[in-house]
Amino acid sequence: MAFKDMIGQTVPSVTFHVQENGKWVDITTDELFKGKKVVLFALPGAFTPTCSSMHLPRYNELAGEFKRQGIDDIICVAVNDTFVMNAWAKDQNCNNVRVLPDGNGEFAEAMGRLIDDSAIGFGKRSWRYSMLVDDGKIVQIFDEPQDTDSDDPYEKSDADTMMQYINPDWTDKPAVAIFTKPGCPYCAEAKQTLSDKGYEYEEFVLGQDASLTAMRAVSGRDTTPQVFIGGKHIGGDDDLQRYFAQQ
């Protein structure tokens, strides 16, 4: 099937029925897109392999980078009910992407990207794609190819492709992890330095997310912070300052 050409058109008017804090809330596309720059990506379903291992996590990881490029919100849509989408977001620790349920497939159908996956027991689902929307108008769409042997291609709708479309000069930064402990001033300084340099990081707080034993096992040290960049152990706050001074 040929997908509907939506570039230059207004996002279809749809209302999403969402459960928030135990209450039903109706969210319109006007509320989501009007006066904003938004990246939306759609996928076949919550808890499915590619969606859970790559698609949603990478957008969540790069949310800060998208923000720096002027993107106000990142939205993920799938033909699932709100309870499934909420459970998936919680399971994925997804704090930077808004997941929305297109339970009846109304949005996917209006976008011309509702497909029939009944052969594999999925029923009607959304094709995988991403799009950039500016004040309600669709600027660009990246549809996954149909002329492929894969049942679920993942080549064009990824976060990196969208980021490079928005800013062709963008280059990815290495992954960063930092071990910290509550009340540690050197930890606070190291985190601020990473943020100032535009680095996203995953924080492991001793006593909450990791133990002293685990930190010592991977770093060989028992003081905080301990910073890792791109798989390399940088060390503590002083080491981190020297690392950036030499860049």
C-alpha atoms as a PDB file:
ATOM      1  CA  MET A   1       0.000   0.000   0.000  1.00  0.00           C
ATOM      2  CA  ALA A   2       1.082   3.552  -0.661  1.00  0.00           C
ATOM      3  CA  PHE A   3       1.108   5.753   2.398  1.00  0.00           C
ATOM      4  CA  LYS A   4      -0.882   8.966   2.442  1.00  0.00           C
ATOM      5  CA  ASP A   5       1.275  12.023   1.709  1.00  0.00           C
ATOM      6  CA  MET A   6       0.805  14.165   4.819  1.00  0.00           C
ATOM      7  CA  ILE A   7       3.812  16.502   4.559  1.00  0.00           C
ATOM      8  CA  GLY A   8       2.639  20.110   4.623  1.00  0.00           C
ATOM      9  CA  GLN A   9      -0.751  19.144   6.014  1.00  0.00           C
ATOM     10  CA  THR A  10      -2.201  19.737   9.458  1.00  0.00           C
ATOM     11  CA  VAL A  11      -2.064  16.896  11.969  1.00  0.00           C
ATOM     12  CA  PRO A  12      -5.432  15.074  11.942  1.00  0.00           C
ATOM     13  CA  SER A  13      -7.855  16.167  14.652  1.00  0.00           C
ATOM     14  CA  VAL A  14      -8.071  13.284  17.114  1.00  0.00           C
ATOM     15  CA  THR A  15      -8.832  12.975  20.819  1.00  0.00           C
ATOM     16  CA  PHE A  16      -6.731  10.568  22.885  1.00  0.00           C
ATOM     17  CA  HIS A  17      -8.458   8.985  25.882  1.00  0.00           C
ATOM     18  CA  VAL A  18      -5.889   8.675  28.655  1.00  0.00           C
ATOM     19  CA  GLN A  19      -5.832   7.513  32.270  1.00  0.00           C
ATOM     20  CA  GLU A  20      -3.819   9.915  34.426  1.00  0.00           C
ATOM     21  CA  ASN A  21      -3.649   9.530  38.208  1.00  0.00           C
ATOM     22  CA  GLY A  22      -6.681   7.251  38.183  1.00  0.00           C
ATOM     23  CA  LYS A  23      -8.855   9.639  36.158  1.00  0.00           C
ATOM     24  CA  TRP A  24      -9.909   9.713  32.518  1.00  0.00           C
ATOM     25  CA  VAL A  25      -8.499  12.679  30.620  1.00  0.00           C
ATOM     26  CA  ASP A  26      -9.216  13.609  27.014  1.00  0.00           C
ATOM     27  CA  ILE A  27      -6.237  15.134  25.181  1.00  0.00           C
ATOM     28  CA  THR A  28      -6.747  16.706  21.769  1.00  0.00           C
ATOM     29  CA  THR A  29      -4.221  17.081  18.997  1.00  0.00           C
ATOM     30  CA  ASP A  30      -4.663  20.855  19.315  1.00  0.00           C
ATOM     31  CA  GLU A  31      -3.374  20.667  22.898  1.00  0.00           C
ATOM     32  CA  LEU A  32      -0.451  18.516  21.819  1.00  0.00           C
ATOM     33  CA  PHE A  33       0.756  20.416  18.759  1.00  0.00           C
ATOM     34  CA  LYS A  34      -0.536  23.983  18.657  1.00  0.00           C
ATOM     35  CA  GLY A  35       2.261  26.527  19.058  1.00  0.00           C
ATOM     36  CA  LYS A  36       4.896  23.838  19.596  1.00  0.00           C
ATOM     37  CA  LYS A  37       7.624  21.954  17.779  1.00  0.00           C
ATOM     38  CA  VAL A  38       6.960  18.276  18.365  1.00  0.00           C
ATOM     39  CA  VAL A  39       8.534  15.003  17.313  1.00  0.00           C
ATOM     40  CA  LEU A  40       6.070  12.122  17.178  1.00  0.00           C
ATOM     41  CA  PHE A  41       6.920   8.518  16.483  1.00  0.00           C
ATOM     42  CA  ALA A  42       4.442   5.691  16.043  1.00  0.00           C
ATOM     43  CA  LEU A  43       5.099   1.996  16.453  1.00  0.00           C
ATOM     44  CA  PRO A  44       3.280  -1.353  16.287  1.00  0.00           C
ATOM     45  CA  GLY A  45       2.835  -1.927  20.009  1.00  0.00           C
ATOM     46  CA  ALA A  46       3.983  -1.579  23.577  1.00  0.00           C
ATOM     47  CA  PHE A  47       6.214  -4.328  24.984  1.00  0.00           C
ATOM     48  CA  THR A  48       7.154  -5.556  21.491  1.00  0.00           C
ATOM     49  CA  PRO A  49      10.862  -6.296  20.876  1.00  0.00           C
ATOM     50  CA  THR A  50      12.106  -3.487  18.604  1.00  0.00           C
ATOM     51  CA  CYS A  51       9.849  -0.917  20.243  1.00  0.00           C
ATOM     52  CA  SER A  52      11.115  -1.773  23.731  1.00  0.00           C
ATOM     53  CA  SER A  53      14.776  -2.399  22.992  1.00  0.00           C
ATOM     54  CA  MET A  54      15.522   0.423  20.550  1.00  0.00           C
ATOM     55  CA  HIS A  55      12.757   2.744  19.375  1.00  0.00           C
ATOM     56  CA  LEU A  56      11.367   4.184  22.613  1.00  0.00           C
ATOM     57  CA  PRO A  57      14.613   3.968  24.654  1.00  0.00           C
ATOM     58  CA  ARG A  58      16.652   5.930  22.134  1.00  0.00           C
ATOM     59  CA  TYR A  59      14.133   8.769  21.895  1.00  0.00           C
ATOM     60  CA  ASN A  60      14.003   8.829  25.692  1.00  0.00           C
ATOM     61  CA  GLU A  61      17.813   8.910  25.837  1.00  0.00           C
ATOM     62  CA  LEU A  62      18.136  11.766  23.331  1.00  0.00           C
ATOM     63  CA  ALA A  63      15.301  13.885  24.755  1.00  0.00           C
ATOM     64  CA  GLY A  64      17.725  16.454  26.147  1.00  0.00           C
ATOM     65  CA  GLU A  65      19.427  16.759  22.773  1.00  0.00           C
ATOM     66  CA  PHE A  66      16.064  17.272  21.063  1.00  0.00           C
ATOM     67  CA  LYS A  67      15.246  19.960  23.627  1.00  0.00           C
ATOM     68  CA  ARG A  68      18.482  21.756  22.762  1.00  0.00           C
ATOM     69  CA  GLN A  69      17.455  21.668  19.100  1.00  0.00           C
ATOM     70  CA  GLY A  70      14.210  23.501  19.899  1.00  0.00           C
ATOM     71  CA  ILE A  71      11.860  20.537  20.213  1.00  0.00           C
ATOM     72  CA  ASP A  72       9.221  21.106  22.884  1.00  0.00           C
ATOM     73  CA  ASP A  73       7.841  17.579  23.243  1.00  0.00           C
ATOM     74  CA  ILE A  74       8.422  14.009  22.098  1.00  0.00           C
ATOM     75  CA  ILE A  75       5.331  11.821  21.717  1.00  0.00           C
ATOM     76  CA  CYS A  76       5.053   8.077  21.179  1.00  0.00           C
ATOM     77  CA  VAL A  77       1.790   6.631  19.834  1.00  0.00           C
ATOM     78  CA  ALA A  78       0.708   3.007  19.489  1.00  0.00           C
ATOM     79  CA  VAL A  79      -2.576   1.204  18.937  1.00  0.00           C
ATOM     80  CA  ASN A  80      -2.842   0.038  22.538  1.00  0.00           C
ATOM     81  CA  ASP A  81      -5.115   1.031  25.400  1.00  0.00           C
ATOM     82  CA  THR A  82      -4.027   3.571  27.999  1.00  0.00           C
ATOM     83  CA  PHE A  83      -3.381   0.975  30.718  1.00  0.00           C
ATOM     84  CA  VAL A  84      -0.954  -0.936  28.509  1.00  0.00           C
ATOM     85  CA  MET A  85       0.820   2.255  27.440  1.00  0.00           C
ATOM     86  CA  ASN A  86       1.104   3.505  31.022  1.00  0.00           C
ATOM     87  CA  ALA A  87       2.494   0.145  32.190  1.00  0.00           C
ATOM     88  CA  TRP A  88       4.989   0.127  29.317  1.00  0.00           C
ATOM     89  CA  ALA A  89       6.209   3.651  30.097  1.00  0.00           C
ATOM     90  CA  LYS A  90       6.717   2.631  33.729  1.00  0.00           C
ATOM     91  CA  ASP A  91       8.523  -0.557  32.742  1.00  0.00           C
ATOM     92  CA  GLN A  92      10.803   1.423  30.406  1.00  0.00           C
ATOM     93  CA  ASN A  93      11.538   4.170  32.986  1.00  0.00           C
ATOM     94  CA  CYS A  94      10.375   6.513  30.255  1.00  0.00           C
ATOM     95  CA  ASN A  95      10.369   9.983  31.801  1.00  0.00           C
ATOM     96  CA  ASN A  96      11.191  12.089  28.740  1.00  0.00           C
ATOM     97  CA  VAL A  97       8.685  10.824  26.162  1.00  0.00           C
ATOM     98  CA  ARG A  98       4.915  11.164  26.399  1.00  0.00           C
ATOM     99  CA  VAL A  99       3.255   7.867  25.464  1.00  0.00           C
ATOM    100  CA  LEU A 100      -0.290   8.096  24.122  1.00  0.00           C
ATOM    101  CA  PRO A 101      -2.823   5.331  23.455  1.00  0.00           C
ATOM    102  CA  ASP A 102      -4.425   5.233  20.025  1.00  0.00           C
ATOM    103  CA  GLY A 103      -6.697   2.471  21.260  1.00  0.00           C
ATOM    104  CA  ASN A 104      -9.122   2.456  18.350  1.00  0.00           C
ATOM    105  CA  GLY A 105      -6.490   3.229  15.742  1.00  0.00           C
ATOM    106  CA  GLU A 106      -8.187   6.534  14.889  1.00  0.00           C
ATOM    107  CA  PHE A 107      -4.971   8.527  14.683  1.00  0.00           C
ATOM    108  CA  ALA A 108      -3.157   5.857  12.642  1.00  0.00           C
ATOM    109  CA  GLU A 109      -6.091   5.655  10.254  1.00  0.00           C
ATOM    110  CA  ALA A 110      -6.314   9.443   9.859  1.00  0.00           C
ATOM    111  CA  MET A 111      -2.570   9.485   9.142  1.00  0.00           C
ATOM    112  CA  GLY A 112      -3.101   6.823   6.454  1.00  0.00           C
ATOM    113  CA  ARG A 113      -0.841   4.395   8.299  1.00  0.00           C
ATOM    114  CA  LEU A 114      -3.205   1.873   9.849  1.00  0.00           C
ATOM    115  CA  ILE A 115      -2.236  -1.636   8.722  1.00  0.00           C
ATOM    116  CA  ASP A 116      -3.795  -5.056   9.207  1.00  0.00           C
ATOM    117  CA  ASP A 117      -1.530  -7.419  11.153  1.00  0.00           C
ATOM    118  CA  SER A 118      -4.255 -10.008  11.742  1.00  0.00           C
ATOM    119  CA  ALA A 119      -2.036 -12.691  10.207  1.00  0.00           C
ATOM    120  CA  ILE A 120       0.193 -12.554  13.304  1.00  0.00           C
ATOM    121  CA  GLY A 121      -2.640 -11.983  15.777  1.00  0.00           C
ATOM    122  CA  PHE A 122      -2.102  -8.230  16.189  1.00  0.00           C
ATOM    123  CA  GLY A 123      -5.238  -7.025  14.433  1.00  0.00           C
ATOM    124  CA  LYS A 124      -5.028  -3.473  13.142  1.00  0.00           C
ATOM    125  CA  ARG A 125      -1.880  -1.582  14.141  1.00  0.00           C
ATOM    126  CA  SER A 126       0.094   1.511  13.189  1.00  0.00           C
ATOM    127  CA  TRP A 127       2.932   1.298  10.708  1.00  0.00           C
ATOM    128  CA  ARG A 128       6.238   2.402  12.210  1.00  0.00           C
ATOM    129  CA  TYR A 129       7.129   5.997  11.351  1.00  0.00           C
ATOM    130  CA  SER A 130       8.289   9.298  12.826  1.00  0.00           C
ATOM    131  CA  MET A 131       7.379  12.872  12.010  1.00  0.00           C
ATOM    132  CA  LEU A 132       8.313  16.449  12.820  1.00  0.00           C
ATOM    133  CA  VAL A 133       5.402  18.794  13.503  1.00  0.00           C
ATOM    134  CA  ASP A 134       5.661  22.594  13.775  1.00  0.00           C
ATOM    135  CA  ASP A 135       2.586  24.405  15.162  1.00  0.00           C
ATOM    136  CA  GLY A 136       0.317  21.606  14.023  1.00  0.00           C
ATOM    137  CA  LYS A 137       1.753  21.337  10.505  1.00  0.00           C
ATOM    138  CA  ILE A 138       3.614  18.209   9.439  1.00  0.00           C
ATOM    139  CA  VAL A 139       7.101  19.198   8.267  1.00  0.00           C
ATOM    140  CA  GLN A 140       8.644  15.770   7.592  1.00  0.00           C
ATOM    141  CA  ILE A 141       7.755  12.085   7.855  1.00  0.00           C
ATOM    142  CA  PHE A 142      10.100   9.113   7.955  1.00  0.00           C
ATOM    143  CA  ASP A 143       8.189   5.944   7.066  1.00  0.00           C
ATOM    144  CA  GLU A 144       9.809   2.580   7.422  1.00  0.00           C
ATOM    145  CA  PRO A 145      10.208   0.876   4.033  1.00  0.00           C
ATOM    146  CA  GLN A 146       7.672  -1.695   2.882  1.00  0.00           C
ATOM    147  CA  ASP A 147       9.867  -3.259   0.192  1.00  0.00           C
ATOM    148  CA  THR A 148      11.874  -5.343   2.640  1.00  0.00           C
ATOM    149  CA  ASP A 149      11.992  -8.920   3.850  1.00  0.00           C
ATOM    150  CA  SER A 150      11.592  -7.767   7.439  1.00  0.00           C
ATOM    151  CA  ASP A 151       8.144  -7.939   9.048  1.00  0.00           C
ATOM    152  CA  ASP A 152       9.067  -4.956  11.220  1.00  0.00           C
ATOM    153  CA  PRO A 153      11.722  -2.774   9.556  1.00  0.00           C
ATOM    154  CA  TYR A 154      13.545  -0.227  11.689  1.00  0.00           C
ATOM    155  CA  GLU A 155      15.755   1.912   9.474  1.00  0.00           C
ATOM    156  CA  LYS A 156      14.317   5.433   9.133  1.00  0.00           C
ATOM    157  CA  SER A 157      12.047   6.295  12.062  1.00  0.00           C
ATOM    158  CA  ASP A 158      14.795   6.141  14.688  1.00  0.00           C
ATOM    159  CA  ALA A 159      15.774   9.063  16.908  1.00  0.00           C
ATOM    160  CA  ASP A 160      19.197   9.573  15.284  1.00  0.00           C
ATOM    161  CA  THR A 161      17.712   9.981  11.800  1.00  0.00           C
ATOM    162  CA  MET A 162      15.236  12.555  13.090  1.00  0.00           C
ATOM    163  CA  MET A 163      17.953  14.398  15.002  1.00  0.00           C
ATOM    164  CA  GLN A 164      20.184  14.607  11.939  1.00  0.00           C
ATOM    165  CA  TYR A 165      17.270  15.900   9.876  1.00  0.00           C
ATOM    166  CA  ILE A 166      16.663  18.674  12.412  1.00  0.00           C
ATOM    167  CA  ASN A 167      20.377  19.486  12.653  1.00  0.00           C
ATOM    168  CA  PRO A 168      22.613  17.955   9.933  1.00  0.00           C
ATOM    169  CA  ASP A 169      25.709  18.952  11.937  1.00  0.00           C
ATOM    170  CA  TRP A 170      24.623  17.023  15.030  1.00  0.00           C
ATOM    171  CA  THR A 171      26.957  14.293  16.245  1.00  0.00           C
ATOM    172  CA  ASP A 172      26.157  11.774  18.935  1.00  0.00           C
ATOM    173  CA  LYS A 173      27.937  11.965  22.262  1.00  0.00           C
ATOM    174  CA  PRO A 174      29.182   8.833  24.051  1.00  0.00           C
ATOM    175  CA  ALA A 175      27.045   7.245  26.752  1.00  0.00           C
ATOM    176  CA  VAL A 176      27.797   8.430  30.287  1.00  0.00           C
ATOM    177  CA  ALA A 177      27.196   6.777  33.657  1.00  0.00           C
ATOM    178  CA  ILE A 178      27.961   8.292  37.050  1.00  0.00           C
ATOM    179  CA  PHE A 179      27.952   6.733  40.509  1.00  0.00           C
ATOM    180  CA  THR A 180      26.990   9.213  43.228  1.00  0.00           C
ATOM    181  CA  LYS A 181      25.849   9.345  46.832  1.00  0.00           C
ATOM    182  CA  PRO A 182      23.362  11.714  48.488  1.00  0.00           C
ATOM    183  CA  GLY A 183      24.817  14.959  49.824  1.00  0.00           C
ATOM    184  CA  CYS A 184      28.114  14.622  47.957  1.00  0.00           C
ATOM    185  CA  PRO A 185      29.235  18.107  46.736  1.00  0.00           C
ATOM    186  CA  TYR A 186      31.769  16.616  44.302  1.00  0.00           C
ATOM    187  CA  CYS A 187      28.988  14.524  42.770  1.00  0.00           C
ATOM    188  CA  ALA A 188      26.861  17.644  42.300  1.00  0.00           C
ATOM    189  CA  GLU A 189      29.780  19.441  40.637  1.00  0.00           C
ATOM    190  CA  ALA A 190      30.483  16.512  38.324  1.00  0.00           C
ATOM    191  CA  LYS A 191      26.842  16.297  37.254  1.00  0.00           C
ATOM    192  CA  GLN A 192      26.745  20.033  36.613  1.00  0.00           C
ATOM    193  CA  THR A 193      29.898  19.779  34.511  1.00  0.00           C
ATOM    194  CA  LEU A 194      28.411  16.986  32.421  1.00  0.00           C
ATOM    195  CA  SER A 195      25.223  18.992  31.894  1.00  0.00           C
ATOM    196  CA  ASP A 196      27.179  22.129  30.983  1.00  0.00           C
ATOM    197  CA  LYS A 197      29.086  20.135  28.368  1.00  0.00           C
ATOM    198  CA  GLY A 198      25.810  18.846  26.887  1.00  0.00           C
ATOM    199  CA  TYR A 199      26.221  15.258  28.075  1.00  0.00           C
ATOM    200  CA  GLU A 200      23.221  13.184  29.100  1.00  0.00           C
ATOM    201  CA  TYR A 201      24.057  10.723  31.867  1.00  0.00           C
ATOM    202  CA  GLU A 202      22.579   7.848  33.800  1.00  0.00           C
ATOM    203  CA  GLU A 203      23.011   8.252  37.538  1.00  0.00           C
ATOM    204  CA  PHE A 204      23.451   5.367  39.970  1.00  0.00           C
ATOM    205  CA  VAL A 205      22.905   6.524  43.538  1.00  0.00           C
ATOM    206  CA  LEU A 206      24.616   4.382  46.167  1.00  0.00           C
ATOM    207  CA  GLY A 207      22.094   2.792  48.486  1.00  0.00           C
ATOM    208  CA  GLN A 208      19.300   3.209  45.943  1.00  0.00           C
ATOM    209  CA  ASP A 209      20.402   2.092  42.484  1.00  0.00           C
ATOM    210  CA  ALA A 210      23.736   0.460  43.268  1.00  0.00           C
ATOM    211  CA  SER A 211      25.886  -0.692  46.157  1.00  0.00           C
ATOM    212  CA  LEU A 212      29.373   0.364  47.180  1.00  0.00           C
ATOM    213  CA  THR A 213      30.499  -3.150  46.258  1.00  0.00           C
ATOM    214  CA  ALA A 214      29.160  -2.757  42.711  1.00  0.00           C
ATOM    215  CA  MET A 215      30.858   0.612  42.271  1.00  0.00           C
ATOM    216  CA  ARG A 216      34.140  -0.723  43.624  1.00  0.00           C
ATOM    217  CA  ALA A 217      33.894  -3.757  41.330  1.00  0.00           C
ATOM    218  CA  VAL A 218      33.606  -1.684  38.151  1.00  0.00           C
ATOM    219  CA  SER A 219      35.778   1.296  39.097  1.00  0.00           C
ATOM    220  CA  GLY A 220      38.290  -0.069  41.585  1.00  0.00           C
ATOM    221  CA  ARG A 221      37.529   2.873  43.883  1.00  0.00           C
ATOM    222  CA  ASP A 222      35.313   3.504  46.874  1.00  0.00           C
ATOM    223  CA  THR A 223      34.872   7.284  46.621  1.00  0.00           C
ATOM    224  CA  THR A 224      32.192   9.205  44.763  1.00  0.00           C
ATOM    225  CA  PRO A 225      31.589  10.299  42.140  1.00  0.00           C
ATOM    226  CA  GLN A 226      32.860   7.742  39.663  1.00  0.00           C
ATOM    227  CA  VAL A 227      32.277   8.693  36.044  1.00  0.00           C
ATOM    228  CA  PHE A 228      32.321   6.509  32.925  1.00  0.00           C
ATOM    229  CA  ILE A 229      32.229   8.003  29.415  1.00  0.00           C
ATOM    230  CA  GLY A 230      31.911   5.853  26.330  1.00  0.00           C
ATOM    231  CA  GLY A 231      32.841   2.728  28.262  1.00  0.00           C
ATOM    232  CA  LYS A 232      35.982   4.342  29.702  1.00  0.00           C
ATOM    233  CA  HIS A 233      36.452   4.919  33.424  1.00  0.00           C
ATOM    234  CA  ILE A 234      37.235   8.623  33.872  1.00  0.00           C
ATOM    235  CA  GLY A 235      37.318   8.676  37.670  1.00  0.00           C
ATOM    236  CA  GLY A 236      36.200  11.277  40.200  1.00  0.00           C
ATOM    237  CA  ASP A 237      35.311  14.944  39.879  1.00  0.00           C
ATOM    238  CA  ASP A 238      38.928  16.142  39.586  1.00  0.00           C
ATOM    239  CA  ASP A 239      39.556  13.509  36.915  1.00  0.00           C
ATOM    240  CA  LEU A 240      36.476  14.652  35.051  1.00  0.00           C
ATOM    241  CA  GLN A 241      37.604  18.307  35.077  1.00  0.00           C
ATOM    242  CA  ARG A 242      41.003  17.257  33.686  1.00  0.00           C
ATOM    243  CA  TYR A 243      39.303  15.097  31.051  1.00  0.00           C
ATOM    244  CA  PHE A 244      37.328  18.036  29.670  1.00  0.00           C
ATOM    245  CA  ALA A 245      40.280  20.440  30.003  1.00  0.00           C
ATOM    246  CA  GLN A 246      42.237  18.186  27.639  1.00  0.00           C
ATOM    247  CA  GLN A 247      39.468  17.954  25.026  1.00  0.00           C
END
